[in-house]
Amino acid sequence: MAAPLSGVARPRIPAPPPAALPPITATTLQATYAANRADATRAADMAAAHGDTHRAAADRTLAAPSRHLLTFDGRGSGRATEVLGDLAHADHIAVLVPGSDTSLDTYARFHKAAAALYTDLTHRAPRGTNTAVVAWLGYETPATVSTTVTTTTRAEEAAPRLRAFIRRLREATPAQAHISLLCHSYGTVVCGRAAAGLDADALVVVGSPGTGADSVAALHTRARVWAARGSEDWVANVPHVSATLFGTTVGLGADPVSRAFGARVFDAGDASHSGYFTPGSASLTNLARITLGQPPEAPHA
């Protein structure tokens, strides 16, 4: 119970409100990064004064000159959107949407996944092709050990924010940029709820307990929908049912890798639930290929 109990205390951590910034465009990116790094520095000082050395260290890491923050909010469990690569000139962009128990306190592991993907993309992209990865921690994720993780409530709250962010991202990037959403675990529920009207080219779900929908058609998206699950992922044991109890829908819908759901299924090898972005893995290779608009490998028979 350590993770959910630690989450209970986090909302009391003080931090400055987010900086008031102009709309994100190619010309305002550097000023945006600088302003958010300054906010992260102030948040680190406030967390340290509050006695939370762990959060202070996490904030200071994000405030480093090498980090590119599109958004930052150190209050509560925290929010951050980080860019890896040259967003203003990117031809192919991956937006990562995380699952449960992701916060500023655990952000390092989310950044590690984004960095692994960016490294693979830079090695795999054809000469002259620019890539970028955006790590979007734009919502309050549920605790893995909680009743919230079995409902779409947090996803419903997050979906409008994700749609709005992708619209702003389109305004700051080349018109022809290919945008893929790579959604993991409960993040696939967020992407499922945001799918209708989402201006993305590909919607990829890995380690998904369900998207809150029973089929690709029910997502009402123009994006090409991909799905994968590693052979060592415990989420395969999650029952794919939904029922309404006391006005709340419990359960997250159909299995996204099932034939009935209708997604394009690709190989994720022996990935565990937290292993989809492991360097050198089949899952990371195929996530990079999809980001680059290339066909991934199909699951092995």
C-alpha atoms as a PDB file:
ATOM      1  CA  MET A   1       0.000   0.000   0.000  1.00  0.00           C
ATOM      2  CA  ALA A   2       3.047   2.294  -0.004  1.00  0.00           C
ATOM      3  CA  ALA A   3       2.317   3.921  -3.335  1.00  0.00           C
ATOM      4  CA  PRO A   4      -1.310   4.963  -2.741  1.00  0.00           C
ATOM      5  CA  LEU A   5      -0.618   6.031   0.837  1.00  0.00           C
ATOM      6  CA  SER A   6       2.271   8.246  -0.288  1.00  0.00           C
ATOM      7  CA  GLY A   7      -0.074   9.802  -2.820  1.00  0.00           C
ATOM      8  CA  VAL A   8      -2.429  10.862  -0.050  1.00  0.00           C
ATOM      9  CA  ALA A   9       0.212  13.139   1.487  1.00  0.00           C
ATOM     10  CA  ARG A  10       1.431  14.746  -1.720  1.00  0.00           C
ATOM     11  CA  PRO A  11      -1.404  17.276  -2.290  1.00  0.00           C
ATOM     12  CA  ARG A  12      -0.134  19.310   0.696  1.00  0.00           C
ATOM     13  CA  ILE A  13       3.228  20.048  -0.963  1.00  0.00           C
ATOM     14  CA  PRO A  14       3.464  23.794  -1.666  1.00  0.00           C
ATOM     15  CA  ALA A  15       4.555  25.137  -5.047  1.00  0.00           C
ATOM     16  CA  PRO A  16       3.999  28.280  -7.108  1.00  0.00           C
ATOM     17  CA  PRO A  17       1.089  28.337  -9.566  1.00  0.00           C
ATOM     18  CA  PRO A  18       2.038  27.653 -13.193  1.00  0.00           C
ATOM     19  CA  ALA A  19       3.603  30.507 -15.111  1.00  0.00           C
ATOM     20  CA  ALA A  20       1.287  32.652 -17.255  1.00  0.00           C
ATOM     21  CA  LEU A  21       2.689  32.042 -20.716  1.00  0.00           C
ATOM     22  CA  PRO A  22       1.739  32.961 -24.289  1.00  0.00           C
ATOM     23  CA  PRO A  23       0.384  30.257 -26.621  1.00  0.00           C
ATOM     24  CA  ILE A  24       2.940  27.647 -27.626  1.00  0.00           C
ATOM     25  CA  THR A  25       4.406  28.346 -31.063  1.00  0.00           C
ATOM     26  CA  ALA A  26       7.716  27.531 -32.727  1.00  0.00           C
ATOM     27  CA  THR A  27       8.971  31.009 -31.810  1.00  0.00           C
ATOM     28  CA  THR A  28       7.934  30.890 -28.139  1.00  0.00           C
ATOM     29  CA  LEU A  29       9.275  27.432 -27.298  1.00  0.00           C
ATOM     30  CA  GLN A  30      12.603  28.521 -25.830  1.00  0.00           C
ATOM     31  CA  ALA A  31      10.984  31.191 -23.640  1.00  0.00           C
ATOM     32  CA  THR A  32       8.418  28.620 -22.485  1.00  0.00           C
ATOM     33  CA  TYR A  33      11.127  26.148 -21.553  1.00  0.00           C
ATOM     34  CA  ALA A  34      13.029  28.795 -19.590  1.00  0.00           C
ATOM     35  CA  ALA A  35       9.935  29.984 -17.697  1.00  0.00           C
ATOM     36  CA  ASN A  36       8.961  26.468 -16.674  1.00  0.00           C
ATOM     37  CA  ARG A  37      12.491  25.618 -15.560  1.00  0.00           C
ATOM     38  CA  ALA A  38      12.379  28.704 -13.351  1.00  0.00           C
ATOM     39  CA  ASP A  39       9.064  27.525 -11.908  1.00  0.00           C
ATOM     40  CA  ALA A  40      10.553  24.095 -11.221  1.00  0.00           C
ATOM     41  CA  THR A  41      13.435  25.763  -9.370  1.00  0.00           C
ATOM     42  CA  ARG A  42      11.022  27.749  -7.190  1.00  0.00           C
ATOM     43  CA  ALA A  43       8.975  24.610  -6.555  1.00  0.00           C
ATOM     44  CA  ALA A  44      12.122  22.758  -5.470  1.00  0.00           C
ATOM     45  CA  ASP A  45      12.949  25.513  -2.976  1.00  0.00           C
ATOM     46  CA  MET A  46       9.415  25.456  -1.555  1.00  0.00           C
ATOM     47  CA  ALA A  47       9.374  21.651  -1.297  1.00  0.00           C
ATOM     48  CA  ALA A  48      12.733  21.698   0.476  1.00  0.00           C
ATOM     49  CA  ALA A  49      11.478  24.325   2.927  1.00  0.00           C
ATOM     50  CA  HIS A  50       8.438  22.113   3.509  1.00  0.00           C
ATOM     51  CA  GLY A  51      10.773  19.240   4.403  1.00  0.00           C
ATOM     52  CA  ASP A  52      10.057  17.092   1.344  1.00  0.00           C
ATOM     53  CA  THR A  53      13.558  16.361   0.083  1.00  0.00           C
ATOM     54  CA  HIS A  54      12.353  13.738  -2.398  1.00  0.00           C
ATOM     55  CA  ARG A  55      10.042  16.154  -4.225  1.00  0.00           C
ATOM     56  CA  ALA A  56      12.662  18.900  -4.032  1.00  0.00           C
ATOM     57  CA  ALA A  57      15.162  16.630  -5.773  1.00  0.00           C
ATOM     58  CA  ALA A  58      12.620  15.674  -8.453  1.00  0.00           C
ATOM     59  CA  ASP A  59      11.823  19.339  -9.118  1.00  0.00           C
ATOM     60  CA  ARG A  60      15.520  20.287  -9.310  1.00  0.00           C
ATOM     61  CA  THR A  61      16.133  17.541 -11.832  1.00  0.00           C
ATOM     62  CA  LEU A  62      13.400  18.961 -14.047  1.00  0.00           C
ATOM     63  CA  ALA A  63      14.843  22.465 -13.603  1.00  0.00           C
ATOM     64  CA  ALA A  64      18.201  21.468 -15.155  1.00  0.00           C
ATOM     65  CA  PRO A  65      19.251  23.548 -18.203  1.00  0.00           C
ATOM     66  CA  SER A  66      19.063  20.465 -20.434  1.00  0.00           C
ATOM     67  CA  ARG A  67      15.366  19.871 -19.729  1.00  0.00           C
ATOM     68  CA  HIS A  68      12.667  21.286 -22.001  1.00  0.00           C
ATOM     69  CA  LEU A  69       9.366  21.731 -20.166  1.00  0.00           C
ATOM     70  CA  LEU A  70       6.290  22.780 -22.104  1.00  0.00           C
ATOM     71  CA  THR A  71       4.296  22.849 -18.867  1.00  0.00           C
ATOM     72  CA  PHE A  72       5.065  22.524 -15.168  1.00  0.00           C
ATOM     73  CA  ASP A  73       2.903  22.560 -12.057  1.00  0.00           C
ATOM     74  CA  GLY A  74       4.565  21.446  -8.838  1.00  0.00           C
ATOM     75  CA  ARG A  75       1.419  21.555  -6.726  1.00  0.00           C
ATOM     76  CA  GLY A  76      -0.064  18.356  -5.346  1.00  0.00           C
ATOM     77  CA  SER A  77       0.972  15.222  -7.214  1.00  0.00           C
ATOM     78  CA  GLY A  78       2.297  17.500  -9.944  1.00  0.00           C
ATOM     79  CA  ARG A  79       2.008  17.938 -13.695  1.00  0.00           C
ATOM     80  CA  ALA A  80       4.719  18.261 -16.320  1.00  0.00           C
ATOM     81  CA  THR A  81       5.043  18.063 -20.082  1.00  0.00           C
ATOM     82  CA  GLU A  82       8.574  17.530 -21.332  1.00  0.00           C
ATOM     83  CA  VAL A  83      10.025  17.622 -24.845  1.00  0.00           C
ATOM     84  CA  LEU A  84      12.943  15.529 -26.064  1.00  0.00           C
ATOM     85  CA  GLY A  85      14.188  16.695 -29.452  1.00  0.00           C
ATOM     86  CA  ASP A  86      13.561  19.683 -31.713  1.00  0.00           C
ATOM     87  CA  LEU A  87       9.806  20.044 -31.559  1.00  0.00           C
ATOM     88  CA  ALA A  88       9.656  23.072 -33.866  1.00  0.00           C
ATOM     89  CA  HIS A  89      11.129  21.105 -36.781  1.00  0.00           C
ATOM     90  CA  ALA A  90       9.950  17.574 -36.021  1.00  0.00           C
ATOM     91  CA  ASP A  91       8.578  15.441 -38.842  1.00  0.00           C
ATOM     92  CA  HIS A  92       7.467  12.660 -36.488  1.00  0.00           C
ATOM     93  CA  ILE A  93       6.298  13.225 -32.905  1.00  0.00           C
ATOM     94  CA  ALA A  94       5.424  10.677 -30.233  1.00  0.00           C
ATOM     95  CA  VAL A  95       3.293  11.813 -27.286  1.00  0.00           C
ATOM     96  CA  LEU A  96       3.555   9.454 -24.308  1.00  0.00           C
ATOM     97  CA  VAL A  97       0.540   9.181 -21.992  1.00  0.00           C
ATOM     98  CA  PRO A  98       1.379   7.405 -18.704  1.00  0.00           C
ATOM     99  CA  GLY A  99      -0.614   5.107 -16.474  1.00  0.00           C
ATOM    100  CA  SER A 100      -1.258   4.774 -12.769  1.00  0.00           C
ATOM    101  CA  ASP A 101       1.081   5.933 -10.003  1.00  0.00           C
ATOM    102  CA  THR A 102       2.849   8.459 -12.245  1.00  0.00           C
ATOM    103  CA  SER A 103       3.525  11.808 -10.591  1.00  0.00           C
ATOM    104  CA  LEU A 104       6.399  14.219 -10.123  1.00  0.00           C
ATOM    105  CA  ASP A 105       7.635  11.892  -7.380  1.00  0.00           C
ATOM    106  CA  THR A 106       7.909   8.979  -9.829  1.00  0.00           C
ATOM    107  CA  TYR A 107       8.597  11.086 -12.925  1.00  0.00           C
ATOM    108  CA  ALA A 108      12.121   9.694 -13.393  1.00  0.00           C
ATOM    109  CA  ARG A 109      10.805   6.368 -14.657  1.00  0.00           C
ATOM    110  CA  PHE A 110       8.456   8.118 -17.104  1.00  0.00           C
ATOM    111  CA  HIS A 111      11.349  10.231 -18.386  1.00  0.00           C
ATOM    112  CA  LYS A 112      13.436   7.059 -18.766  1.00  0.00           C
ATOM    113  CA  ALA A 113      10.798   5.581 -21.073  1.00  0.00           C
ATOM    114  CA  ALA A 114      10.620   8.767 -23.152  1.00  0.00           C
ATOM    115  CA  ALA A 115      14.411   8.944 -23.397  1.00  0.00           C
ATOM    116  CA  ALA A 116      14.648   5.305 -24.514  1.00  0.00           C
ATOM    117  CA  LEU A 117      12.130   5.942 -27.286  1.00  0.00           C
ATOM    118  CA  TYR A 118      13.873   9.133 -28.390  1.00  0.00           C
ATOM    119  CA  THR A 119      17.246   7.371 -28.558  1.00  0.00           C
ATOM    120  CA  ASP A 120      15.757   4.579 -30.677  1.00  0.00           C
ATOM    121  CA  LEU A 121      14.044   7.076 -32.965  1.00  0.00           C
ATOM    122  CA  THR A 122      17.216   9.061 -33.573  1.00  0.00           C
ATOM    123  CA  HIS A 123      19.046   5.876 -34.581  1.00  0.00           C
ATOM    124  CA  ARG A 124      16.207   4.516 -36.695  1.00  0.00           C
ATOM    125  CA  ALA A 125      14.946   7.636 -38.490  1.00  0.00           C
ATOM    126  CA  PRO A 126      16.010   8.059 -42.117  1.00  0.00           C
ATOM    127  CA  ARG A 127      18.683  10.674 -42.808  1.00  0.00           C
ATOM    128  CA  GLY A 128      17.202  14.180 -42.766  1.00  0.00           C
ATOM    129  CA  THR A 129      14.163  13.147 -40.698  1.00  0.00           C
ATOM    130  CA  ASN A 130      13.624  15.021 -37.420  1.00  0.00           C
ATOM    131  CA  THR A 131      11.898  13.387 -34.456  1.00  0.00           C
ATOM    132  CA  ALA A 132      10.646  14.472 -31.041  1.00  0.00           C
ATOM    133  CA  VAL A 133       9.120  12.768 -28.019  1.00  0.00           C
ATOM    134  CA  VAL A 134       6.717  14.526 -25.660  1.00  0.00           C
ATOM    135  CA  ALA A 135       6.182  13.076 -22.187  1.00  0.00           C
ATOM    136  CA  TRP A 136       2.703  14.285 -21.186  1.00  0.00           C
ATOM    137  CA  LEU A 137       1.968  14.025 -17.476  1.00  0.00           C
ATOM    138  CA  GLY A 138      -1.095  16.223 -17.808  1.00  0.00           C
ATOM    139  CA  TYR A 139      -3.539  14.563 -15.433  1.00  0.00           C
ATOM    140  CA  GLU A 140      -3.811  13.138 -11.932  1.00  0.00           C
ATOM    141  CA  THR A 141      -3.175   9.441 -12.396  1.00  0.00           C
ATOM    142  CA  PRO A 142      -4.952   6.917 -10.161  1.00  0.00           C
ATOM    143  CA  ALA A 143      -3.121   4.689  -7.712  1.00  0.00           C
ATOM    144  CA  THR A 144      -2.603   1.139  -8.929  1.00  0.00           C
ATOM    145  CA  VAL A 145      -4.084  -0.194  -5.692  1.00  0.00           C
ATOM    146  CA  SER A 146      -7.370   1.731  -5.663  1.00  0.00           C
ATOM    147  CA  THR A 147     -10.952   1.545  -6.844  1.00  0.00           C
ATOM    148  CA  THR A 148     -10.356   4.596  -9.058  1.00  0.00           C
ATOM    149  CA  VAL A 149      -8.162   2.591 -11.421  1.00  0.00           C
ATOM    150  CA  THR A 150     -11.124   0.337 -12.295  1.00  0.00           C
ATOM    151  CA  THR A 151     -13.303   3.209 -13.557  1.00  0.00           C
ATOM    152  CA  THR A 152     -13.058   5.772 -16.342  1.00  0.00           C
ATOM    153  CA  THR A 153     -13.490   8.717 -13.943  1.00  0.00           C
ATOM    154  CA  ARG A 154      -9.915  10.030 -14.046  1.00  0.00           C
ATOM    155  CA  ALA A 155      -9.786   9.405 -17.788  1.00  0.00           C
ATOM    156  CA  GLU A 156     -12.959  11.434 -18.346  1.00  0.00           C
ATOM    157  CA  GLU A 157     -11.359  14.321 -16.447  1.00  0.00           C
ATOM    158  CA  ALA A 158      -8.095  14.015 -18.395  1.00  0.00           C
ATOM    159  CA  ALA A 159      -9.505  13.592 -21.906  1.00  0.00           C
ATOM    160  CA  PRO A 160     -10.386  17.262 -22.607  1.00  0.00           C
ATOM    161  CA  ARG A 161      -6.913  18.299 -21.425  1.00  0.00           C
ATOM    162  CA  LEU A 162      -5.258  15.816 -23.770  1.00  0.00           C
ATOM    163  CA  ARG A 163      -7.364  16.932 -26.742  1.00  0.00           C
ATOM    164  CA  ALA A 164      -6.547  20.589 -26.004  1.00  0.00           C
ATOM    165  CA  PHE A 165      -2.854  19.819 -25.670  1.00  0.00           C
ATOM    166  CA  ILE A 166      -2.726  18.044 -29.041  1.00  0.00           C
ATOM    167  CA  ARG A 167      -4.460  21.035 -30.651  1.00  0.00           C
ATOM    168  CA  ARG A 168      -1.813  23.358 -29.174  1.00  0.00           C
ATOM    169  CA  LEU A 169       0.927  20.970 -30.251  1.00  0.00           C
ATOM    170  CA  ARG A 170      -0.316  21.112 -33.838  1.00  0.00           C
ATOM    171  CA  GLU A 171       0.011  24.906 -33.752  1.00  0.00           C
ATOM    172  CA  ALA A 172       3.632  24.713 -32.605  1.00  0.00           C
ATOM    173  CA  THR A 173       4.845  22.075 -35.056  1.00  0.00           C
ATOM    174  CA  PRO A 174       5.183  21.706 -38.840  1.00  0.00           C
ATOM    175  CA  ALA A 175       1.864  21.252 -40.620  1.00  0.00           C
ATOM    176  CA  GLN A 176       2.932  17.914 -42.054  1.00  0.00           C
ATOM    177  CA  ALA A 177       4.136  16.478 -38.736  1.00  0.00           C
ATOM    178  CA  HIS A 178       3.004  12.909 -38.049  1.00  0.00           C
ATOM    179  CA  ILE A 179       1.753  12.694 -34.429  1.00  0.00           C
ATOM    180  CA  SER A 180       1.408   9.373 -32.622  1.00  0.00           C
ATOM    181  CA  LEU A 181      -0.060   8.932 -29.151  1.00  0.00           C
ATOM    182  CA  LEU A 182       1.646   6.096 -27.288  1.00  0.00           C
ATOM    183  CA  CYS A 183      -0.562   5.230 -24.335  1.00  0.00           C
ATOM    184  CA  HIS A 184       0.369   2.845 -21.533  1.00  0.00           C
ATOM    185  CA  SER A 185      -1.746   1.065 -18.914  1.00  0.00           C
ATOM    186  CA  TYR A 186      -4.400   3.449 -17.490  1.00  0.00           C
ATOM    187  CA  GLY A 187      -3.135   5.997 -20.002  1.00  0.00           C
ATOM    188  CA  THR A 188      -4.889   3.888 -22.649  1.00  0.00           C
ATOM    189  CA  VAL A 189      -8.183   4.682 -20.933  1.00  0.00           C
ATOM    190  CA  VAL A 190      -7.333   8.385 -21.135  1.00  0.00           C
ATOM    191  CA  CYS A 191      -6.524   8.053 -24.834  1.00  0.00           C
ATOM    192  CA  GLY A 192      -9.692   6.068 -25.418  1.00  0.00           C
ATOM    193  CA  ARG A 193     -11.829   8.762 -23.819  1.00  0.00           C
ATOM    194  CA  ALA A 194      -9.968  11.507 -25.722  1.00  0.00           C
ATOM    195  CA  ALA A 195     -10.017   9.706 -29.067  1.00  0.00           C
ATOM    196  CA  ALA A 196     -13.102  11.348 -30.570  1.00  0.00           C
ATOM    197  CA  GLY A 197     -11.940  14.580 -32.178  1.00  0.00           C
ATOM    198  CA  LEU A 198      -8.307  13.947 -31.295  1.00  0.00           C
ATOM    199  CA  ASP A 199      -6.029  15.373 -34.001  1.00  0.00           C
ATOM    200  CA  ALA A 200      -3.544  12.502 -34.122  1.00  0.00           C
ATOM    201  CA  ASP A 201      -2.386  10.164 -36.881  1.00  0.00           C
ATOM    202  CA  ALA A 202      -1.837   7.063 -34.761  1.00  0.00           C
ATOM    203  CA  LEU A 203      -3.257   5.917 -31.437  1.00  0.00           C
ATOM    204  CA  VAL A 204      -1.205   3.156 -29.832  1.00  0.00           C
ATOM    205  CA  VAL A 205      -2.222   1.267 -26.676  1.00  0.00           C
ATOM    206  CA  VAL A 206       0.157  -1.048 -24.810  1.00  0.00           C
ATOM    207  CA  GLY A 207      -0.440  -2.906 -21.565  1.00  0.00           C
ATOM    208  CA  SER A 208      -4.058  -1.837 -21.736  1.00  0.00           C
ATOM    209  CA  PRO A 209      -6.704  -2.943 -19.219  1.00  0.00           C
ATOM    210  CA  GLY A 210      -9.248  -1.572 -21.710  1.00  0.00           C
ATOM    211  CA  THR A 211      -9.907   1.777 -23.361  1.00  0.00           C
ATOM    212  CA  GLY A 212     -13.399   2.313 -22.008  1.00  0.00           C
ATOM    213  CA  ALA A 213     -14.755   1.280 -25.416  1.00  0.00           C
ATOM    214  CA  ASP A 214     -15.761  -2.076 -26.883  1.00  0.00           C
ATOM    215  CA  SER A 215     -14.315  -1.556 -30.368  1.00  0.00           C
ATOM    216  CA  VAL A 216     -12.179   0.715 -32.509  1.00  0.00           C
ATOM    217  CA  ALA A 217     -15.369   1.990 -34.156  1.00  0.00           C
ATOM    218  CA  ALA A 218     -16.663   3.073 -30.744  1.00  0.00           C
ATOM    219  CA  LEU A 219     -13.583   5.288 -30.275  1.00  0.00           C
ATOM    220  CA  HIS A 220     -14.805   7.521 -33.129  1.00  0.00           C
ATOM    221  CA  THR A 221     -11.289   8.455 -34.181  1.00  0.00           C
ATOM    222  CA  ARG A 222      -9.654   9.118 -37.520  1.00  0.00           C
ATOM    223  CA  ALA A 223      -6.342   7.881 -36.131  1.00  0.00           C
ATOM    224  CA  ARG A 224      -5.016   4.456 -37.017  1.00  0.00           C
ATOM    225  CA  VAL A 225      -5.374   2.355 -33.853  1.00  0.00           C
ATOM    226  CA  TRP A 226      -2.643  -0.086 -32.813  1.00  0.00           C
ATOM    227  CA  ALA A 227      -2.500  -2.398 -29.784  1.00  0.00           C
ATOM    228  CA  ALA A 228      -0.008  -4.769 -28.178  1.00  0.00           C
ATOM    229  CA  ARG A 229       0.515  -6.729 -24.998  1.00  0.00           C
ATOM    230  CA  GLY A 230       3.711  -8.436 -23.882  1.00  0.00           C
ATOM    231  CA  SER A 231       3.653 -12.108 -22.945  1.00  0.00           C
ATOM    232  CA  GLU A 232       4.860 -11.288 -19.406  1.00  0.00           C
ATOM    233  CA  ASP A 233       2.318  -8.530 -18.739  1.00  0.00           C
ATOM    234  CA  TRP A 234       0.028  -9.274 -15.787  1.00  0.00           C
ATOM    235  CA  VAL A 235      -2.673  -7.060 -17.293  1.00  0.00           C
ATOM    236  CA  ALA A 236      -3.648 -10.070 -19.426  1.00  0.00           C
ATOM    237  CA  ASN A 237      -5.370 -11.376 -16.293  1.00  0.00           C
ATOM    238  CA  VAL A 238      -7.595  -8.308 -15.879  1.00  0.00           C
ATOM    239  CA  PRO A 239     -11.239  -9.201 -16.654  1.00  0.00           C
ATOM    240  CA  HIS A 240     -12.618  -7.185 -19.567  1.00  0.00           C
ATOM    241  CA  VAL A 241     -16.095  -6.410 -18.328  1.00  0.00           C
ATOM    242  CA  SER A 242     -18.023  -3.279 -17.443  1.00  0.00           C
ATOM    243  CA  ALA A 243     -21.037  -2.696 -15.237  1.00  0.00           C
ATOM    244  CA  THR A 244     -22.825   0.286 -13.734  1.00  0.00           C
ATOM    245  CA  LEU A 245     -22.822   0.396  -9.935  1.00  0.00           C
ATOM    246  CA  PHE A 246     -24.431   3.291  -8.081  1.00  0.00           C
ATOM    247  CA  GLY A 247     -24.210   5.457 -11.187  1.00  0.00           C
ATOM    248  CA  THR A 248     -20.537   4.710 -11.854  1.00  0.00           C
ATOM    249  CA  THR A 249     -19.262   2.442 -14.640  1.00  0.00           C
ATOM    250  CA  VAL A 250     -16.827  -0.109 -13.239  1.00  0.00           C
ATOM    251  CA  GLY A 251     -14.605  -1.957 -15.702  1.00  0.00           C
ATOM    252  CA  LEU A 252     -12.802  -0.689 -18.784  1.00  0.00           C
ATOM    253  CA  GLY A 253     -14.370  -2.494 -21.715  1.00  0.00           C
ATOM    254  CA  ALA A 254     -13.117  -4.950 -24.312  1.00  0.00           C
ATOM    255  CA  ASP A 255      -9.587  -6.307 -24.596  1.00  0.00           C
ATOM    256  CA  PRO A 256      -7.807  -4.047 -27.137  1.00  0.00           C
ATOM    257  CA  VAL A 257      -5.719  -6.940 -28.528  1.00  0.00           C
ATOM    258  CA  SER A 258      -8.775  -9.113 -29.167  1.00  0.00           C
ATOM    259  CA  ARG A 259      -9.923  -9.703 -32.727  1.00  0.00           C
ATOM    260  CA  ALA A 260     -13.360  -8.320 -31.851  1.00  0.00           C
ATOM    261  CA  PHE A 261     -11.940  -4.952 -30.778  1.00  0.00           C
ATOM    262  CA  GLY A 262     -10.505  -4.387 -34.242  1.00  0.00           C
ATOM    263  CA  ALA A 263      -7.146  -2.708 -33.566  1.00  0.00           C
ATOM    264  CA  ARG A 264      -4.042  -3.477 -35.613  1.00  0.00           C
ATOM    265  CA  VAL A 265      -2.123  -5.772 -33.255  1.00  0.00           C
ATOM    266  CA  PHE A 266       1.693  -5.730 -33.259  1.00  0.00           C
ATOM    267  CA  ASP A 267       4.433  -7.713 -31.545  1.00  0.00           C
ATOM    268  CA  ALA A 268       5.487  -6.690 -28.033  1.00  0.00           C
ATOM    269  CA  GLY A 269       7.652  -9.734 -27.395  1.00  0.00           C
ATOM    270  CA  ASP A 270       8.006 -10.758 -23.761  1.00  0.00           C
ATOM    271  CA  ALA A 271       7.419  -7.266 -22.351  1.00  0.00           C
ATOM    272  CA  SER A 272       6.279  -7.062 -18.742  1.00  0.00           C
ATOM    273  CA  HIS A 273       3.768  -4.396 -17.729  1.00  0.00           C
ATOM    274  CA  SER A 274       6.541  -1.877 -17.092  1.00  0.00           C
ATOM    275  CA  GLY A 275       8.836  -3.120 -19.875  1.00  0.00           C
ATOM    276  CA  TYR A 276       7.388  -1.763 -23.116  1.00  0.00           C
ATOM    277  CA  PHE A 277      10.088   0.898 -23.461  1.00  0.00           C
ATOM    278  CA  THR A 278      13.064  -1.335 -22.628  1.00  0.00           C
ATOM    279  CA  PRO A 279      15.961  -0.573 -25.000  1.00  0.00           C
ATOM    280  CA  GLY A 280      16.448  -3.282 -27.601  1.00  0.00           C
ATOM    281  CA  SER A 281      13.044  -4.861 -26.997  1.00  0.00           C
ATOM    282  CA  ALA A 282      10.576  -5.860 -29.693  1.00  0.00           C
ATOM    283  CA  SER A 283       7.992  -3.542 -28.185  1.00  0.00           C
ATOM    284  CA  LEU A 284      10.228  -0.458 -28.279  1.00  0.00           C
ATOM    285  CA  THR A 285      11.328  -1.269 -31.828  1.00  0.00           C
ATOM    286  CA  ASN A 286       7.742  -1.451 -33.000  1.00  0.00           C
ATOM    287  CA  LEU A 287       6.680   1.686 -31.090  1.00  0.00           C
ATOM    288  CA  ALA A 288       9.476   3.551 -32.884  1.00  0.00           C
ATOM    289  CA  ARG A 289       8.414   2.154 -36.243  1.00  0.00           C
ATOM    290  CA  ILE A 290       4.825   3.255 -35.736  1.00  0.00           C
ATOM    291  CA  THR A 291       6.012   6.727 -34.678  1.00  0.00           C
ATOM    292  CA  LEU A 292       7.990   6.943 -37.930  1.00  0.00           C
ATOM    293  CA  GLY A 293       4.987   5.832 -39.982  1.00  0.00           C
ATOM    294  CA  GLN A 294       6.567   2.452 -40.693  1.00  0.00           C
ATOM    295  CA  PRO A 295       4.785  -0.905 -40.352  1.00  0.00           C
ATOM    296  CA  PRO A 296       5.588  -2.780 -37.117  1.00  0.00           C
ATOM    297  CA  GLU A 297       6.152  -6.499 -36.873  1.00  0.00           C
ATOM    298  CA  ALA A 298       3.043  -8.631 -36.377  1.00  0.00           C
ATOM    299  CA  PRO A 299       2.796 -10.919 -33.345  1.00  0.00           C
ATOM    300  CA  HIS A 300       4.585 -14.224 -33.744  1.00  0.00           C
ATOM    301  CA  ALA A 301       2.326 -17.244 -34.032  1.00  0.00           C
END
